[in-house]
PDB file of N, CA and C in Angstrom:
ATOM      1  N   MET A   1       7.211  -9.927 -12.837  1.00  0.00           N
ATOM      2  CA  MET A   1       6.923  -8.730 -12.053  1.00  0.00           C
ATOM      3  C   MET A   1       6.203  -7.704 -12.930  1.00  0.00           C
ATOM      4  N   ARG A   2       5.281  -7.007 -12.319  1.00  0.00           N
ATOM      5  CA  ARG A   2       4.559  -5.961 -13.033  1.00  0.00           C
ATOM      6  C   ARG A   2       5.456  -4.760 -13.266  1.00  0.00           C
ATOM      7  N   GLU A   3       5.112  -3.993 -14.282  1.00  0.00           N
ATOM      8  CA  GLU A   3       5.852  -2.772 -14.563  1.00  0.00           C
ATOM      9  C   GLU A   3       5.010  -1.578 -14.146  1.00  0.00           C
ATOM     10  N   TRP A   4       5.666  -0.435 -13.926  1.00  0.00           N
ATOM     11  CA  TRP A   4       4.972   0.770 -13.489  1.00  0.00           C
ATOM     12  C   TRP A   4       3.796   1.092 -14.413  1.00  0.00           C
ATOM     13  N   LYS A   5       3.993   0.951 -15.708  1.00  0.00           N
ATOM     14  CA  LYS A   5       2.941   1.297 -16.667  1.00  0.00           C
ATOM     15  C   LYS A   5       1.717   0.394 -16.533  1.00  0.00           C
ATOM     16  N   ASP A   6       1.875  -0.765 -15.907  1.00  0.00           N
ATOM     17  CA  ASP A   6       0.772  -1.711 -15.740  1.00  0.00           C
ATOM     18  C   ASP A   6      -0.064  -1.458 -14.484  1.00  0.00           C
ATOM     19  N   LEU A   7       0.415  -0.586 -13.602  1.00  0.00           N
ATOM     20  CA  LEU A   7      -0.306  -0.312 -12.370  1.00  0.00           C
ATOM     21  C   LEU A   7      -1.513   0.581 -12.635  1.00  0.00           C
ATOM     22  N   THR A   8      -2.514   0.464 -11.770  1.00  0.00           N
ATOM     23  CA  THR A   8      -3.682   1.332 -11.888  1.00  0.00           C
ATOM     24  C   THR A   8      -3.320   2.722 -11.379  1.00  0.00           C
ATOM     25  N   LYS A   9      -4.157   3.684 -11.707  1.00  0.00           N
ATOM     26  CA  LYS A   9      -3.944   5.053 -11.241  1.00  0.00           C
ATOM     27  C   LYS A   9      -3.925   5.084  -9.713  1.00  0.00           C
ATOM     28  N   ASP A  10      -4.837   4.365  -9.079  1.00  0.00           N
ATOM     29  CA  ASP A  10      -4.893   4.328  -7.614  1.00  0.00           C
ATOM     30  C   ASP A  10      -3.617   3.744  -7.018  1.00  0.00           C
ATOM     31  N   GLU A  11      -3.129   2.663  -7.599  1.00  0.00           N
ATOM     32  CA  GLU A  11      -1.894   2.051  -7.105  1.00  0.00           C
ATOM     33  C   GLU A  11      -0.735   3.033  -7.201  1.00  0.00           C
ATOM     34  N   LYS A  12      -0.636   3.724  -8.323  1.00  0.00           N
ATOM     35  CA  LYS A  12       0.443   4.698  -8.510  1.00  0.00           C
ATOM     36  C   LYS A  12       0.355   5.823  -7.494  1.00  0.00           C
ATOM     37  N   GLU A  13      -0.860   6.304  -7.239  1.00  0.00           N
ATOM     38  CA  GLU A  13      -1.041   7.394  -6.279  1.00  0.00           C
ATOM     39  C   GLU A  13      -0.664   6.956  -4.867  1.00  0.00           C
ATOM     40  N   ILE A  14      -1.058   5.753  -4.489  1.00  0.00           N
ATOM     41  CA  ILE A  14      -0.730   5.244  -3.155  1.00  0.00           C
ATOM     42  C   ILE A  14       0.776   5.072  -2.999  1.00  0.00           C
ATOM     43  N   ILE A  15       1.413   4.488  -4.003  1.00  0.00           N
ATOM     44  CA  ILE A  15       2.863   4.279  -3.960  1.00  0.00           C
ATOM     45  C   ILE A  15       3.589   5.615  -3.852  1.00  0.00           C
ATOM     46  N   THR A  16       3.181   6.581  -4.664  1.00  0.00           N
ATOM     47  CA  THR A  16       3.818   7.896  -4.653  1.00  0.00           C
ATOM     48  C   THR A  16       3.652   8.572  -3.296  1.00  0.00           C
ATOM     49  N   ALA A  17       2.446   8.526  -2.743  1.00  0.00           N
ATOM     50  CA  ALA A  17       2.192   9.145  -1.441  1.00  0.00           C
ATOM     51  C   ALA A  17       3.013   8.472  -0.343  1.00  0.00           C
ATOM     52  N   MET A  18       3.075   7.156  -0.364  1.00  0.00           N
ATOM     53  CA  MET A  18       3.840   6.439   0.648  1.00  0.00           C
ATOM     54  C   MET A  18       5.322   6.789   0.558  1.00  0.00           C
ATOM     55  N   LYS A  19       5.853   6.885  -0.653  1.00  0.00           N
ATOM     56  CA  LYS A  19       7.263   7.237  -0.821  1.00  0.00           C
ATOM     57  C   LYS A  19       7.536   8.659  -0.324  1.00  0.00           C
ATOM     58  N   MET A  20       6.638   9.591  -0.667  1.00  0.00           N
ATOM     59  CA  MET A  20       6.831  10.988  -0.274  1.00  0.00           C
ATOM     60  C   MET A  20       6.797  11.141   1.240  1.00  0.00           C
ATOM     61  N   GLN A  21       5.966  10.346   1.916  1.00  0.00           N
ATOM     62  CA  GLN A  21       5.840  10.446   3.367  1.00  0.00           C
ATOM     63  C   GLN A  21       6.769   9.485   4.105  1.00  0.00           C
ATOM     64  N   GLY A  22       7.450   8.636   3.363  1.00  0.00           N
ATOM     65  CA  GLY A  22       8.374   7.692   3.982  1.00  0.00           C
ATOM     66  C   GLY A  22       7.677   6.626   4.808  1.00  0.00           C
ATOM     67  N   ILE A  23       6.503   6.197   4.367  1.00  0.00           N
ATOM     68  CA  ILE A  23       5.711   5.207   5.097  1.00  0.00           C
ATOM     69  C   ILE A  23       5.941   3.825   4.499  1.00  0.00           C
ATOM     70  N   THR A  24       6.210   2.856   5.354  1.00  0.00           N
ATOM     71  CA  THR A  24       6.349   1.477   4.895  1.00  0.00           C
ATOM     72  C   THR A  24       4.963   0.832   4.834  1.00  0.00           C
ATOM     73  N   PRO A  25       4.842  -0.270   4.091  1.00  0.00           N
ATOM     74  CA  PRO A  25       3.551  -0.972   4.061  1.00  0.00           C
ATOM     75  C   PRO A  25       3.071  -1.359   5.459  1.00  0.00           C
ATOM     76  N   GLU A  26       3.993  -1.783   6.304  1.00  0.00           N
ATOM     77  CA  GLU A  26       3.624  -2.168   7.667  1.00  0.00           C
ATOM     78  C   GLU A  26       3.088  -0.986   8.465  1.00  0.00           C
ATOM     79  N   GLU A  27       3.711   0.176   8.278  1.00  0.00           N
ATOM     80  CA  GLU A  27       3.244   1.377   8.972  1.00  0.00           C
ATOM     81  C   GLU A  27       1.856   1.781   8.495  1.00  0.00           C
ATOM     82  N   LEU A  28       1.617   1.675   7.196  1.00  0.00           N
ATOM     83  CA  LEU A  28       0.296   2.024   6.665  1.00  0.00           C
ATOM     84  C   LEU A  28      -0.774   1.096   7.231  1.00  0.00           C
ATOM     85  N   ILE A  29      -0.480  -0.185   7.265  1.00  0.00           N
ATOM     86  CA  ILE A  29      -1.446  -1.151   7.812  1.00  0.00           C
ATOM     87  C   ILE A  29      -1.714  -0.841   9.285  1.00  0.00           C
ATOM     88  N   GLN A  30      -0.656  -0.543  10.046  1.00  0.00           N
ATOM     89  CA  GLN A  30      -0.836  -0.219  11.457  1.00  0.00           C
ATOM     90  C   GLN A  30      -1.664   1.050  11.638  1.00  0.00           C
ATOM     91  N   ARG A  31      -1.418   2.045  10.816  1.00  0.00           N
ATOM     92  CA  ARG A  31      -2.195   3.287  10.896  1.00  0.00           C
ATOM     93  C   ARG A  31      -3.666   3.033  10.600  1.00  0.00           C
ATOM     94  N   MET A  32      -3.926   2.236   9.582  1.00  0.00           N
ATOM     95  CA  MET A  32      -5.310   1.929   9.219  1.00  0.00           C
ATOM     96  C   MET A  32      -5.982   1.119  10.331  1.00  0.00           C
ATOM     97  N   ARG A  33      -5.254   0.186  10.916  1.00  0.00           N
ATOM     98  CA  ARG A  33      -5.792  -0.617  12.021  1.00  0.00           C
ATOM     99  C   ARG A  33      -6.116   0.290  13.214  1.00  0.00           C
ATOM    100  N   SER A  34      -5.213   1.205  13.525  1.00  0.00           N
ATOM    101  CA  SER A  34      -5.404   2.110  14.662  1.00  0.00           C
ATOM    102  C   SER A  34      -6.557   3.083  14.443  1.00  0.00           C
ATOM    103  N   SER A  35      -6.791   3.443  13.189  1.00  0.00           N
ATOM    104  CA  SER A  35      -7.867   4.400  12.903  1.00  0.00           C
ATOM    105  C   SER A  35      -9.243   3.803  13.158  1.00  0.00           C
ATOM    106  N   GLY A  36      -9.333   2.471  13.105  1.00  0.00           N
ATOM    107  CA  GLY A  36     -10.614   1.818  13.322  1.00  0.00           C
ATOM    108  C   GLY A  36     -11.560   1.906  12.136  1.00  0.00           C
ATOM    109  N   ARG A  37     -11.092   2.378  11.009  1.00  0.00           N
ATOM    110  CA  ARG A  37     -11.941   2.559   9.833  1.00  0.00           C
ATOM    111  C   ARG A  37     -12.001   1.324   8.937  1.00  0.00           C
ATOM    112  N   MET A  38     -11.132   0.365   9.198  1.00  0.00           N
ATOM    113  CA  MET A  38     -11.112  -0.846   8.376  1.00  0.00           C
ATOM    114  C   MET A  38     -11.252  -2.065   9.275  1.00  0.00           C
ATOM    115  N   ASP A  39     -12.084  -3.011   8.853  1.00  0.00           N
ATOM    116  CA  ASP A  39     -12.190  -4.255   9.618  1.00  0.00           C
ATOM    117  C   ASP A  39     -11.035  -5.179   9.227  1.00  0.00           C
ATOM    118  N   GLU A  40     -10.919  -6.296   9.908  1.00  0.00           N
ATOM    119  CA  GLU A  40      -9.788  -7.202   9.675  1.00  0.00           C
ATOM    120  C   GLU A  40      -9.748  -7.728   8.241  1.00  0.00           C
ATOM    121  N   ARG A  41     -10.902  -7.986   7.673  1.00  0.00           N
ATOM    122  CA  ARG A  41     -10.951  -8.478   6.289  1.00  0.00           C
ATOM    123  C   ARG A  41     -10.390  -7.431   5.324  1.00  0.00           C
ATOM    124  N   ALA A  42     -10.797  -6.185   5.521  1.00  0.00           N
ATOM    125  CA  ALA A  42     -10.300  -5.102   4.671  1.00  0.00           C
ATOM    126  C   ALA A  42      -8.793  -4.915   4.861  1.00  0.00           C
ATOM    127  N   LEU A  43      -8.329  -5.061   6.083  1.00  0.00           N
ATOM    128  CA  LEU A  43      -6.890  -4.941   6.347  1.00  0.00           C
ATOM    129  C   LEU A  43      -6.107  -6.050   5.650  1.00  0.00           C
ATOM    130  N   GLU A  44      -6.669  -7.253   5.629  1.00  0.00           N
ATOM    131  CA  GLU A  44      -6.008  -8.364   4.935  1.00  0.00           C
ATOM    132  C   GLU A  44      -5.942  -8.096   3.433  1.00  0.00           C
ATOM    133  N   GLU A  45      -6.998  -7.529   2.880  1.00  0.00           N
ATOM    134  CA  GLU A  45      -7.009  -7.184   1.454  1.00  0.00           C
ATOM    135  C   GLU A  45      -5.987  -6.090   1.158  1.00  0.00           C
ATOM    136  N   LEU A  46      -5.883  -5.128   2.054  1.00  0.00           N
ATOM    137  CA  LEU A  46      -4.884  -4.067   1.898  1.00  0.00           C
ATOM    138  C   LEU A  46      -3.484  -4.660   1.936  1.00  0.00           C
ATOM    139  N   LYS A  47      -3.258  -5.573   2.852  1.00  0.00           N
ATOM    140  CA  LYS A  47      -1.943  -6.214   2.964  1.00  0.00           C
ATOM    141  C   LYS A  47      -1.590  -6.951   1.675  1.00  0.00           C
ATOM    142  N   LYS A  48      -2.552  -7.669   1.110  1.00  0.00           N
ATOM    143  CA  LYS A  48      -2.318  -8.374  -0.156  1.00  0.00           C
ATOM    144  C   LYS A  48      -1.987  -7.389  -1.267  1.00  0.00           C
ATOM    145  N   ALA A  49      -2.725  -6.290  -1.319  1.00  0.00           N
ATOM    146  CA  ALA A  49      -2.489  -5.278  -2.358  1.00  0.00           C
ATOM    147  C   ALA A  49      -1.106  -4.656  -2.195  1.00  0.00           C
ATOM    148  N   LEU A  50      -0.709  -4.381  -0.975  1.00  0.00           N
ATOM    149  CA  LEU A  50       0.611  -3.801  -0.739  1.00  0.00           C
ATOM    150  C   LEU A  50       1.721  -4.786  -1.059  1.00  0.00           C
ATOM    151  N   ASP A  51       1.502  -6.053  -0.769  1.00  0.00           N
ATOM    152  CA  ASP A  51       2.496  -7.073  -1.120  1.00  0.00           C
ATOM    153  C   ASP A  51       2.693  -7.134  -2.629  1.00  0.00           C
ATOM    154  N   ASP A  52       1.610  -6.917  -3.360  1.00  0.00           N
ATOM    155  CA  ASP A  52       1.648  -6.968  -4.826  1.00  0.00           C
ATOM    156  C   ASP A  52       2.495  -5.827  -5.396  1.00  0.00           C
ATOM    157  N   VAL A  53       2.489  -4.683  -4.744  1.00  0.00           N
ATOM    158  CA  VAL A  53       3.233  -3.525  -5.265  1.00  0.00           C
ATOM    159  C   VAL A  53       4.506  -3.236  -4.463  1.00  0.00           C
ATOM    160  N   ARG A  54       4.851  -4.100  -3.531  1.00  0.00           N
ATOM    161  CA  ARG A  54       6.034  -3.899  -2.680  1.00  0.00           C
ATOM    162  C   ARG A  54       7.311  -3.597  -3.473  1.00  0.00           C
ATOM    163  N   PRO A  55       7.560  -4.267  -4.607  1.00  0.00           N
ATOM    164  CA  PRO A  55       8.796  -3.948  -5.338  1.00  0.00           C
ATOM    165  C   PRO A  55       8.904  -2.471  -5.727  1.00  0.00           C
ATOM    166  N   PHE A  56       7.787  -1.810  -5.946  1.00  0.00           N
ATOM    167  CA  PHE A  56       7.814  -0.389  -6.314  1.00  0.00           C
ATOM    168  C   PHE A  56       8.081   0.504  -5.110  1.00  0.00           C
ATOM    169  N   LEU A  57       7.857  -0.019  -3.923  1.00  0.00           N
ATOM    170  CA  LEU A  57       8.084   0.764  -2.705  1.00  0.00           C
ATOM    171  C   LEU A  57       9.530   0.671  -2.236  1.00  0.00           C
ATOM    172  N   LEU A  58      10.280  -0.271  -2.757  1.00  0.00           N
ATOM    173  CA  LEU A  58      11.658  -0.476  -2.326  1.00  0.00           C
ATOM    174  C   LEU A  58      12.651   0.381  -3.103  1.00  0.00           C
ATOM    175  N   HIS A  59      12.222   0.980  -4.177  1.00  0.00           N
ATOM    176  CA  HIS A  59      13.144   1.752  -5.021  1.00  0.00           C
ATOM    177  C   HIS A  59      12.962   3.232  -4.837  1.00  0.00           C
TER     178      HIS A  59
END
């Protein structure tokens, strides 16, 4: 498993924002899908990225 110090600045910012707003990865994906700003390929990439950092969102 990756450690916090190994995450990119962007990953840390996203994780922190999601925790502060109480948003789950599934909720973020749904919001992005509803906004219409991301195509399905981009949403799949986002899902993969969120799966990679999921352990940091559970604590």
